[in-house]
Amino acid sequence: MAEKVTSELEMLKRHLIILKCVVENEPIGILKLAEETKIPSHKVRYSLRVLEQEGLIAASAPGAITTSATGPFLERLDEMIDEIVKTTLELKRIEMPRKRKEV
């Protein structure tokens, strides 16, 4: 169960790294993104597809570019991450009983 959440957070991290690189270098293509981020190009493609579906980037002939939704998203990003951290800390406070192995 927790492994799936960890995997999703890793993917979110990758999407944000790709978005940061697009913001700083737009327009930028897949190969340059892969080179700059050290992320394999097939994973870059997937992240770009997700970011495009979210409306945060758009495809253009010279490469990925930001959209009008990018700025407002970035303004809310710290708040969204704080919520994730808060929820994670709440999970840590749940005291689960630990069963001992019976011999």
PDB file of N, CA and C in Angstrom:
ATOM      1  N   MET A   1       0.832  -1.188   0.000  1.00  0.00           N
ATOM      2  CA  MET A   1       0.000   0.000   0.000  1.00  0.00           C
ATOM      3  C   MET A   1       0.881   1.259   0.000  1.00  0.00           C
ATOM      4  N   ALA A   2       1.803   1.343   0.929  1.00  0.00           N
ATOM      5  CA  ALA A   2       2.667   2.523   1.014  1.00  0.00           C
ATOM      6  C   ALA A   2       3.601   2.621  -0.182  1.00  0.00           C
ATOM      7  N   GLU A   3       3.960   1.469  -0.764  1.00  0.00           N
ATOM      8  CA  GLU A   3       4.845   1.477  -1.927  1.00  0.00           C
ATOM      9  C   GLU A   3       4.209   2.214  -3.097  1.00  0.00           C
ATOM     10  N   LYS A   4       2.897   2.072  -3.243  1.00  0.00           N
ATOM     11  CA  LYS A   4       2.194   2.742  -4.337  1.00  0.00           C
ATOM     12  C   LYS A   4       2.237   4.262  -4.150  1.00  0.00           C
ATOM     13  N   VAL A   5       2.052   4.720  -2.917  1.00  0.00           N
ATOM     14  CA  VAL A   5       2.107   6.155  -2.628  1.00  0.00           C
ATOM     15  C   VAL A   5       3.513   6.680  -2.905  1.00  0.00           C
ATOM     16  N   THR A   6       4.518   5.934  -2.476  1.00  0.00           N
ATOM     17  CA  THR A   6       5.911   6.321  -2.721  1.00  0.00           C
ATOM     18  C   THR A   6       6.175   6.432  -4.212  1.00  0.00           C
ATOM     19  N   SER A   7       5.689   5.472  -4.972  1.00  0.00           N
ATOM     20  CA  SER A   7       5.854   5.474  -6.415  1.00  0.00           C
ATOM     21  C   SER A   7       5.178   6.693  -7.046  1.00  0.00           C
ATOM     22  N   GLU A   8       3.985   7.023  -6.587  1.00  0.00           N
ATOM     23  CA  GLU A   8       3.261   8.190  -7.103  1.00  0.00           C
ATOM     24  C   GLU A   8       4.001   9.488  -6.775  1.00  0.00           C
ATOM     25  N   LEU A   9       4.570   9.567  -5.574  1.00  0.00           N
ATOM     26  CA  LEU A   9       5.324  10.764  -5.192  1.00  0.00           C
ATOM     27  C   LEU A   9       6.593  10.903  -6.033  1.00  0.00           C
ATOM     28  N   GLU A  10       7.241   9.790  -6.336  1.00  0.00           N
ATOM     29  CA  GLU A  10       8.425   9.822  -7.202  1.00  0.00           C
ATOM     30  C   GLU A  10       8.047  10.321  -8.600  1.00  0.00           C
ATOM     31  N   MET A  11       6.893   9.865  -9.088  1.00  0.00           N
ATOM     32  CA  MET A  11       6.441  10.301 -10.400  1.00  0.00           C
ATOM     33  C   MET A  11       6.097  11.797 -10.378  1.00  0.00           C
ATOM     34  N   LEU A  12       5.451  12.256  -9.319  1.00  0.00           N
ATOM     35  CA  LEU A  12       5.152  13.679  -9.172  1.00  0.00           C
ATOM     36  C   LEU A  12       6.445  14.491  -9.166  1.00  0.00           C
ATOM     37  N   LYS A  13       7.430  13.999  -8.450  1.00  0.00           N
ATOM     38  CA  LYS A  13       8.732  14.669  -8.411  1.00  0.00           C
ATOM     39  C   LYS A  13       9.309  14.798  -9.821  1.00  0.00           C
ATOM     40  N   ARG A  14       9.240  13.715 -10.594  1.00  0.00           N
ATOM     41  CA  ARG A  14       9.749  13.744 -11.968  1.00  0.00           C
ATOM     42  C   ARG A  14       8.981  14.750 -12.821  1.00  0.00           C
ATOM     43  N   HIS A  15       7.660  14.758 -12.712  1.00  0.00           N
ATOM     44  CA  HIS A  15       6.847  15.713 -13.474  1.00  0.00           C
ATOM     45  C   HIS A  15       7.242  17.151 -13.132  1.00  0.00           C
ATOM     46  N   LEU A  16       7.473  17.411 -11.848  1.00  0.00           N
ATOM     47  CA  LEU A  16       7.835  18.768 -11.430  1.00  0.00           C
ATOM     48  C   LEU A  16       9.230  19.152 -11.914  1.00  0.00           C
ATOM     49  N   ILE A  17      10.153  18.200 -11.935  1.00  0.00           N
ATOM     50  CA  ILE A  17      11.499  18.468 -12.466  1.00  0.00           C
ATOM     51  C   ILE A  17      11.404  18.824 -13.947  1.00  0.00           C
ATOM     52  N   ILE A  18      10.592  18.073 -14.685  1.00  0.00           N
ATOM     53  CA  ILE A  18      10.400  18.342 -16.116  1.00  0.00           C
ATOM     54  C   ILE A  18       9.749  19.712 -16.301  1.00  0.00           C
ATOM     55  N   LEU A  19       8.705  20.003 -15.511  1.00  0.00           N
ATOM     56  CA  LEU A  19       8.026  21.300 -15.621  1.00  0.00           C
ATOM     57  C   LEU A  19       9.000  22.436 -15.327  1.00  0.00           C
ATOM     58  N   LYS A  20       9.809  22.305 -14.304  1.00  0.00           N
ATOM     59  CA  LYS A  20      10.806  23.327 -13.959  1.00  0.00           C
ATOM     60  C   LYS A  20      11.741  23.583 -15.136  1.00  0.00           C
ATOM     61  N   CYS A  21      12.186  22.509 -15.762  1.00  0.00           N
ATOM     62  CA  CYS A  21      13.100  22.633 -16.896  1.00  0.00           C
ATOM     63  C   CYS A  21      12.411  23.320 -18.083  1.00  0.00           C
ATOM     64  N   VAL A  22      11.142  23.014 -18.311  1.00  0.00           N
ATOM     65  CA  VAL A  22      10.394  23.679 -19.386  1.00  0.00           C
ATOM     66  C   VAL A  22      10.263  25.172 -19.074  1.00  0.00           C
ATOM     67  N   VAL A  23       9.905  25.503 -17.837  1.00  0.00           N
ATOM     68  CA  VAL A  23       9.749  26.907 -17.439  1.00  0.00           C
ATOM     69  C   VAL A  23      11.055  27.670 -17.663  1.00  0.00           C
ATOM     70  N   GLU A  24      12.176  27.055 -17.304  1.00  0.00           N
ATOM     71  CA  GLU A  24      13.471  27.736 -17.389  1.00  0.00           C
ATOM     72  C   GLU A  24      14.067  27.770 -18.795  1.00  0.00           C
ATOM     73  N   ASN A  25      13.637  26.854 -19.670  1.00  0.00           N
ATOM     74  CA  ASN A  25      14.303  26.721 -20.973  1.00  0.00           C
ATOM     75  C   ASN A  25      13.373  26.709 -22.178  1.00  0.00           C
ATOM     76  N   GLU A  26      12.108  27.072 -21.999  1.00  0.00           N
ATOM     77  CA  GLU A  26      11.165  26.942 -23.110  1.00  0.00           C
ATOM     78  C   GLU A  26      11.564  27.765 -24.323  1.00  0.00           C
ATOM     79  N   PRO A  27      11.267  27.302 -25.504  1.00  0.00           N
ATOM     80  CA  PRO A  27      10.792  25.957 -25.848  1.00  0.00           C
ATOM     81  C   PRO A  27      11.948  24.953 -25.738  1.00  0.00           C
ATOM     82  N   ILE A  28      11.597  23.743 -25.327  1.00  0.00           N
ATOM     83  CA  ILE A  28      12.616  22.712 -25.156  1.00  0.00           C
ATOM     84  C   ILE A  28      12.065  21.363 -25.602  1.00  0.00           C
ATOM     85  N   GLY A  29      12.880  20.624 -26.326  1.00  0.00           N
ATOM     86  CA  GLY A  29      12.473  19.328 -26.848  1.00  0.00           C
ATOM     87  C   GLY A  29      12.790  18.182 -25.899  1.00  0.00           C
ATOM     88  N   ILE A  30      12.313  17.011 -26.254  1.00  0.00           N
ATOM     89  CA  ILE A  30      12.458  15.815 -25.422  1.00  0.00           C
ATOM     90  C   ILE A  30      13.927  15.464 -25.188  1.00  0.00           C
ATOM     91  N   LEU A  31      14.726  15.455 -26.240  1.00  0.00           N
ATOM     92  CA  LEU A  31      16.125  15.057 -26.082  1.00  0.00           C
ATOM     93  C   LEU A  31      16.889  16.011 -25.174  1.00  0.00           C
ATOM     94  N   LYS A  32      16.646  17.300 -25.322  1.00  0.00           N
ATOM     95  CA  LYS A  32      17.311  18.295 -24.482  1.00  0.00           C
ATOM     96  C   LYS A  32      16.824  18.167 -23.030  1.00  0.00           C
ATOM     97  N   LEU A  33      15.524  17.915 -22.839  1.00  0.00           N
ATOM     98  CA  LEU A  33      14.990  17.704 -21.497  1.00  0.00           C
ATOM     99  C   LEU A  33      15.641  16.498 -20.843  1.00  0.00           C
ATOM    100  N   ALA A  34      15.772  15.416 -21.592  1.00  0.00           N
ATOM    101  CA  ALA A  34      16.397  14.200 -21.062  1.00  0.00           C
ATOM    102  C   ALA A  34      17.848  14.478 -20.672  1.00  0.00           C
ATOM    103  N   GLU A  35      18.534  15.216 -21.520  1.00  0.00           N
ATOM    104  CA  GLU A  35      19.936  15.545 -21.260  1.00  0.00           C
ATOM    105  C   GLU A  35      20.066  16.444 -20.019  1.00  0.00           C
ATOM    106  N   GLU A  36      19.244  17.479 -19.945  1.00  0.00           N
ATOM    107  CA  GLU A  36      19.307  18.437 -18.838  1.00  0.00           C
ATOM    108  C   GLU A  36      18.924  17.824 -17.494  1.00  0.00           C
ATOM    109  N   THR A  37      17.937  16.929 -17.501  1.00  0.00           N
ATOM    110  CA  THR A  37      17.407  16.376 -16.247  1.00  0.00           C
ATOM    111  C   THR A  37      17.998  15.019 -15.880  1.00  0.00           C
ATOM    112  N   LYS A  38      18.703  14.404 -16.814  1.00  0.00           N
ATOM    113  CA  LYS A  38      19.247  13.038 -16.603  1.00  0.00           C
ATOM    114  C   LYS A  38      18.122  12.012 -16.400  1.00  0.00           C
ATOM    115  N   ILE A  39      16.976  12.309 -16.994  1.00  0.00           N
ATOM    116  CA  ILE A  39      15.818  11.406 -16.957  1.00  0.00           C
ATOM    117  C   ILE A  39      15.707  10.768 -18.332  1.00  0.00           C
ATOM    118  N   PRO A  40      15.530   9.425 -18.404  1.00  0.00           N
ATOM    119  CA  PRO A  40      15.419   8.769 -19.707  1.00  0.00           C
ATOM    120  C   PRO A  40      14.304   9.376 -20.566  1.00  0.00           C
ATOM    121  N   SER A  41      14.542   9.430 -21.877  1.00  0.00           N
ATOM    122  CA  SER A  41      13.596  10.106 -22.773  1.00  0.00           C
ATOM    123  C   SER A  41      12.196   9.496 -22.743  1.00  0.00           C
ATOM    124  N   HIS A  42      12.059   8.188 -22.527  1.00  0.00           N
ATOM    125  CA  HIS A  42      10.706   7.611 -22.487  1.00  0.00           C
ATOM    126  C   HIS A  42       9.936   8.116 -21.257  1.00  0.00           C
ATOM    127  N   LYS A  43      10.646   8.366 -20.163  1.00  0.00           N
ATOM    128  CA  LYS A  43       9.989   8.917 -18.974  1.00  0.00           C
ATOM    129  C   LYS A  43       9.696  10.404 -19.165  1.00  0.00           C
ATOM    130  N   VAL A  44      10.571  11.106 -19.865  1.00  0.00           N
ATOM    131  CA  VAL A  44      10.333  12.517 -20.193  1.00  0.00           C
ATOM    132  C   VAL A  44       9.068  12.620 -21.036  1.00  0.00           C
ATOM    133  N   ARG A  45       8.931  11.755 -22.042  1.00  0.00           N
ATOM    134  CA  ARG A  45       7.733  11.773 -22.901  1.00  0.00           C
ATOM    135  C   ARG A  45       6.461  11.601 -22.082  1.00  0.00           C
ATOM    136  N   TYR A  46       6.494  10.638 -21.150  1.00  0.00           N
ATOM    137  CA  TYR A  46       5.320  10.384 -20.320  1.00  0.00           C
ATOM    138  C   TYR A  46       4.997  11.613 -19.466  1.00  0.00           C
ATOM    139  N   SER A  47       6.012  12.198 -18.839  1.00  0.00           N
ATOM    140  CA  SER A  47       5.791  13.386 -18.013  1.00  0.00           C
ATOM    141  C   SER A  47       5.243  14.537 -18.837  1.00  0.00           C
ATOM    142  N   LEU A  48       5.767  14.729 -20.036  1.00  0.00           N
ATOM    143  CA  LEU A  48       5.257  15.786 -20.909  1.00  0.00           C
ATOM    144  C   LEU A  48       3.790  15.556 -21.248  1.00  0.00           C
ATOM    145  N   ARG A  49       3.435  14.291 -21.501  1.00  0.00           N
ATOM    146  CA  ARG A  49       2.043  13.964 -21.822  1.00  0.00           C
ATOM    147  C   ARG A  49       1.140  14.306 -20.628  1.00  0.00           C
ATOM    148  N   VAL A  50       1.573  13.943 -19.420  1.00  0.00           N
ATOM    149  CA  VAL A  50       0.788  14.241 -18.219  1.00  0.00           C
ATOM    150  C   VAL A  50       0.668  15.749 -18.021  1.00  0.00           C
ATOM    151  N   LEU A  51       1.780  16.459 -18.140  1.00  0.00           N
ATOM    152  CA  LEU A  51       1.760  17.914 -17.967  1.00  0.00           C
ATOM    153  C   LEU A  51       0.875  18.599 -19.016  1.00  0.00           C
ATOM    154  N   GLU A  52       0.885  18.057 -20.228  1.00  0.00           N
ATOM    155  CA  GLU A  52       0.027  18.615 -21.277  1.00  0.00           C
ATOM    156  C   GLU A  52      -1.445  18.344 -20.970  1.00  0.00           C
ATOM    157  N   GLN A  53      -1.756  17.140 -20.505  1.00  0.00           N
ATOM    158  CA  GLN A  53      -3.139  16.814 -20.139  1.00  0.00           C
ATOM    159  C   GLN A  53      -3.638  17.698 -19.001  1.00  0.00           C
ATOM    160  N   GLU A  54      -2.733  18.085 -18.114  1.00  0.00           N
ATOM    161  CA  GLU A  54      -3.087  18.974 -16.997  1.00  0.00           C
ATOM    162  C   GLU A  54      -3.181  20.433 -17.444  1.00  0.00           C
ATOM    163  N   GLY A  55      -2.785  20.708 -18.686  1.00  0.00           N
ATOM    164  CA  GLY A  55      -2.853  22.070 -19.210  1.00  0.00           C
ATOM    165  C   GLY A  55      -1.689  22.957 -18.784  1.00  0.00           C
ATOM    166  N   LEU A  56      -0.629  22.345 -18.231  1.00  0.00           N
ATOM    167  CA  LEU A  56       0.496  23.125 -17.723  1.00  0.00           C
ATOM    168  C   LEU A  56       1.554  23.421 -18.776  1.00  0.00           C
ATOM    169  N   ILE A  57       1.573  22.636 -19.840  1.00  0.00           N
ATOM    170  CA  ILE A  57       2.479  22.880 -20.961  1.00  0.00           C
ATOM    171  C   ILE A  57       1.718  22.633 -22.253  1.00  0.00           C
ATOM    172  N   ALA A  58       2.318  23.068 -23.344  1.00  0.00           N
ATOM    173  CA  ALA A  58       1.750  22.810 -24.673  1.00  0.00           C
ATOM    174  C   ALA A  58       2.894  22.419 -25.589  1.00  0.00           C
ATOM    175  N   ALA A  59       2.563  21.615 -26.585  1.00  0.00           N
ATOM    176  CA  ALA A  59       3.555  21.237 -27.591  1.00  0.00           C
ATOM    177  C   ALA A  59       3.629  22.343 -28.632  1.00  0.00           C
ATOM    178  N   SER A  60       4.838  22.622 -29.080  1.00  0.00           N
ATOM    179  CA  SER A  60       5.031  23.563 -30.178  1.00  0.00           C
ATOM    180  C   SER A  60       6.109  22.972 -31.079  1.00  0.00           C
ATOM    181  N   ALA A  61       6.256  23.495 -32.284  1.00  0.00           N
ATOM    182  CA  ALA A  61       7.250  22.964 -33.222  1.00  0.00           C
ATOM    183  C   ALA A  61       8.659  22.925 -32.624  1.00  0.00           C
ATOM    184  N   PRO A  62       9.108  23.982 -31.932  1.00  0.00           N
ATOM    185  CA  PRO A  62      10.459  23.925 -31.366  1.00  0.00           C
ATOM    186  C   PRO A  62      10.558  23.148 -30.046  1.00  0.00           C
ATOM    187  N   GLY A  63       9.429  22.805 -29.438  1.00  0.00           N
ATOM    188  CA  GLY A  63       9.463  22.040 -28.190  1.00  0.00           C
ATOM    189  C   GLY A  63       8.369  22.468 -27.233  1.00  0.00           C
ATOM    190  N   ALA A  64       8.432  21.910 -26.011  1.00  0.00           N
ATOM    191  CA  ALA A  64       7.414  22.185 -24.999  1.00  0.00           C
ATOM    192  C   ALA A  64       7.513  23.626 -24.507  1.00  0.00           C
ATOM    193  N   ILE A  65       6.327  24.230 -24.297  1.00  0.00           N
ATOM    194  CA  ILE A  65       6.248  25.596 -23.778  1.00  0.00           C
ATOM    195  C   ILE A  65       5.215  25.636 -22.654  1.00  0.00           C
ATOM    196  N   THR A  66       5.309  26.655 -21.806  1.00  0.00           N
ATOM    197  CA  THR A  66       4.337  26.816 -20.733  1.00  0.00           C
ATOM    198  C   THR A  66       3.030  27.374 -21.281  1.00  0.00           C
ATOM    199  N   THR A  67       1.999  27.333 -20.458  1.00  0.00           N
ATOM    200  CA  THR A  67       0.683  27.858 -20.836  1.00  0.00           C
ATOM    201  C   THR A  67       0.255  28.912 -19.815  1.00  0.00           C
ATOM    202  N   SER A  68      -0.909  29.473 -20.032  1.00  0.00           N
ATOM    203  CA  SER A  68      -1.431  30.464 -19.082  1.00  0.00           C
ATOM    204  C   SER A  68      -1.753  29.830 -17.725  1.00  0.00           C
ATOM    205  N   ALA A  69      -1.880  28.516 -17.666  1.00  0.00           N
ATOM    206  CA  ALA A  69      -2.176  27.832 -16.402  1.00  0.00           C
ATOM    207  C   ALA A  69      -0.923  27.567 -15.573  1.00  0.00           C
ATOM    208  N   THR A  70       0.244  27.688 -16.181  1.00  0.00           N
ATOM    209  CA  THR A  70       1.488  27.348 -15.480  1.00  0.00           C
ATOM    210  C   THR A  70       1.738  28.276 -14.297  1.00  0.00           C
ATOM    211  N   GLY A  71       1.626  29.577 -14.500  1.00  0.00           N
ATOM    212  CA  GLY A  71       1.878  30.547 -13.437  1.00  0.00           C
ATOM    213  C   GLY A  71       1.006  30.331 -12.207  1.00  0.00           C
ATOM    214  N   PRO A  72      -0.320  30.264 -12.373  1.00  0.00           N
ATOM    215  CA  PRO A  72      -1.186  30.023 -11.213  1.00  0.00           C
ATOM    216  C   PRO A  72      -0.874  28.699 -10.507  1.00  0.00           C
ATOM    217  N   PHE A  73      -0.531  27.666 -11.274  1.00  0.00           N
ATOM    218  CA  PHE A  73      -0.169  26.383 -10.668  1.00  0.00           C
ATOM    219  C   PHE A  73       1.076  26.544  -9.801  1.00  0.00           C
ATOM    220  N   LEU A  74       2.094  27.212 -10.339  1.00  0.00           N
ATOM    221  CA  LEU A  74       3.336  27.399  -9.595  1.00  0.00           C
ATOM    222  C   LEU A  74       3.120  28.243  -8.342  1.00  0.00           C
ATOM    223  N   GLU A  75       2.205  29.193  -8.404  1.00  0.00           N
ATOM    224  CA  GLU A  75       1.895  30.013  -7.229  1.00  0.00           C
ATOM    225  C   GLU A  75       1.273  29.182  -6.110  1.00  0.00           C
ATOM    226  N   ARG A  76       0.534  28.134  -6.464  1.00  0.00           N
ATOM    227  CA  ARG A  76      -0.127  27.271  -5.468  1.00  0.00           C
ATOM    228  C   ARG A  76       0.725  26.065  -5.077  1.00  0.00           C
ATOM    229  N   LEU A  77       1.829  25.848  -5.756  1.00  0.00           N
ATOM    230  CA  LEU A  77       2.609  24.622  -5.575  1.00  0.00           C
ATOM    231  C   LEU A  77       3.097  24.426  -4.143  1.00  0.00           C
ATOM    232  N   ASP A  78       3.667  25.450  -3.532  1.00  0.00           N
ATOM    233  CA  ASP A  78       4.156  25.300  -2.153  1.00  0.00           C
ATOM    234  C   ASP A  78       3.026  24.900  -1.214  1.00  0.00           C
ATOM    235  N   GLU A  79       1.864  25.509  -1.394  1.00  0.00           N
ATOM    236  CA  GLU A  79       0.704  25.182  -0.566  1.00  0.00           C
ATOM    237  C   GLU A  79       0.290  23.719  -0.760  1.00  0.00           C
ATOM    238  N   MET A  80       0.295  23.253  -2.005  1.00  0.00           N
ATOM    239  CA  MET A  80      -0.077  21.863  -2.283  1.00  0.00           C
ATOM    240  C   MET A  80       0.936  20.893  -1.657  1.00  0.00           C
ATOM    241  N   ILE A  81       2.216  21.223  -1.745  1.00  0.00           N
ATOM    242  CA  ILE A  81       3.248  20.366  -1.159  1.00  0.00           C
ATOM    243  C   ILE A  81       3.121  20.367   0.365  1.00  0.00           C
ATOM    244  N   ASP A  82       2.828  21.532   0.953  1.00  0.00           N
ATOM    245  CA  ASP A  82       2.618  21.600   2.404  1.00  0.00           C
ATOM    246  C   ASP A  82       1.478  20.680   2.836  1.00  0.00           C
ATOM    247  N   GLU A  83       0.420  20.598   2.032  1.00  0.00           N
ATOM    248  CA  GLU A  83      -0.701  19.698   2.346  1.00  0.00           C
ATOM    249  C   GLU A  83      -0.264  18.232   2.318  1.00  0.00           C
ATOM    250  N   ILE A  84       0.570  17.891   1.346  1.00  0.00           N
ATOM    251  CA  ILE A  84       1.084  16.515   1.264  1.00  0.00           C
ATOM    252  C   ILE A  84       1.927  16.202   2.495  1.00  0.00           C
ATOM    253  N   VAL A  85       2.777  17.142   2.881  1.00  0.00           N
ATOM    254  CA  VAL A  85       3.626  16.954   4.070  1.00  0.00           C
ATOM    255  C   VAL A  85       2.753  16.805   5.318  1.00  0.00           C
ATOM    256  N   LYS A  86       1.737  17.648   5.448  1.00  0.00           N
ATOM    257  CA  LYS A  86       0.835  17.596   6.601  1.00  0.00           C
ATOM    258  C   LYS A  86       0.152  16.230   6.692  1.00  0.00           C
ATOM    259  N   THR A  87      -0.347  15.757   5.575  1.00  0.00           N
ATOM    260  CA  THR A  87      -1.017  14.458   5.553  1.00  0.00           C
ATOM    261  C   THR A  87      -0.043  13.345   5.916  1.00  0.00           C
ATOM    262  N   THR A  88       1.181  13.435   5.417  1.00  0.00           N
ATOM    263  CA  THR A  88       2.192  12.431   5.723  1.00  0.00           C
ATOM    264  C   THR A  88       2.497  12.419   7.217  1.00  0.00           C
ATOM    265  N   LEU A  89       2.619  13.587   7.822  1.00  0.00           N
ATOM    266  CA  LEU A  89       2.881  13.663   9.264  1.00  0.00           C
ATOM    267  C   LEU A  89       1.709  13.098  10.060  1.00  0.00           C
ATOM    268  N   GLU A  90       0.487  13.337   9.586  1.00  0.00           N
ATOM    269  CA  GLU A  90      -0.684  12.768  10.260  1.00  0.00           C
ATOM    270  C   GLU A  90      -0.654  11.248  10.201  1.00  0.00           C
ATOM    271  N   LEU A  91      -0.208  10.696   9.085  1.00  0.00           N
ATOM    272  CA  LEU A  91      -0.086   9.237   8.976  1.00  0.00           C
ATOM    273  C   LEU A  91       0.897   8.702  10.002  1.00  0.00           C
ATOM    274  N   LYS A  92       1.986   9.417  10.182  1.00  0.00           N
ATOM    275  CA  LYS A  92       3.020   8.987  11.119  1.00  0.00           C
ATOM    276  C   LYS A  92       2.493   8.969  12.558  1.00  0.00           C
ATOM    277  N   ARG A  93       1.529   9.841  12.875  1.00  0.00           N
ATOM    278  CA  ARG A  93       0.985   9.918  14.231  1.00  0.00           C
ATOM    279  C   ARG A  93      -0.026   8.823  14.553  1.00  0.00           C
ATOM    280  N   ILE A  94      -0.450   8.085  13.546  1.00  0.00           N
ATOM    281  CA  ILE A  94      -1.392   6.981  13.804  1.00  0.00           C
ATOM    282  C   ILE A  94      -0.606   5.857  14.472  1.00  0.00           C
ATOM    283  N   GLU A  95      -0.983   5.556  15.678  1.00  0.00           N
ATOM    284  CA  GLU A  95      -0.270   4.521  16.412  1.00  0.00           C
ATOM    285  C   GLU A  95      -0.916   3.170  16.127  1.00  0.00           C
ATOM    286  N   MET A  96      -0.210   2.390  15.334  1.00  0.00           N
ATOM    287  CA  MET A  96      -0.719   1.068  14.985  1.00  0.00           C
ATOM    288  C   MET A  96      -0.228   0.052  16.017  1.00  0.00           C
ATOM    289  N   PRO A  97      -1.111  -0.848  16.448  1.00  0.00           N
ATOM    290  CA  PRO A  97      -0.663  -1.891  17.371  1.00  0.00           C
ATOM    291  C   PRO A  97       0.306  -2.834  16.641  1.00  0.00           C
ATOM    292  N   ARG A  98       1.303  -3.259  17.334  1.00  0.00           N
ATOM    293  CA  ARG A  98       2.282  -4.200  16.771  1.00  0.00           C
ATOM    294  C   ARG A  98       2.058  -5.544  17.430  1.00  0.00           C
ATOM    295  N   LYS A  99       1.756  -6.540  16.617  1.00  0.00           N
ATOM    296  CA  LYS A  99       1.560  -7.890  17.160  1.00  0.00           C
ATOM    297  C   LYS A  99       2.897  -8.589  17.271  1.00  0.00           C
ATOM    298  N   ARG A 100       3.043  -9.327  18.311  1.00  0.00           N
ATOM    299  CA  ARG A 100       4.239 -10.139  18.487  1.00  0.00           C
ATOM    300  C   ARG A 100       3.976 -11.515  17.923  1.00  0.00           C
ATOM    301  N   LYS A 101       5.031 -12.099  17.414  1.00  0.00           N
ATOM    302  CA  LYS A 101       4.898 -13.481  16.935  1.00  0.00           C
ATOM    303  C   LYS A 101       4.763 -14.410  18.128  1.00  0.00           C
ATOM    304  N   GLU A 102       3.788 -15.260  18.038  1.00  0.00           N
ATOM    305  CA  GLU A 102       3.603 -16.242  19.123  1.00  0.00           C
ATOM    306  C   GLU A 102       4.430 -17.472  18.803  1.00  0.00           C
ATOM    307  N   VAL A 103       5.107 -17.965  19.838  1.00  0.00           N
ATOM    308  CA  VAL A 103       5.967 -19.146  19.648  1.00  0.00           C
ATOM    309  C   VAL A 103       5.375 -20.373  20.240  1.00  0.00           C
TER     310      VAL A 103
END
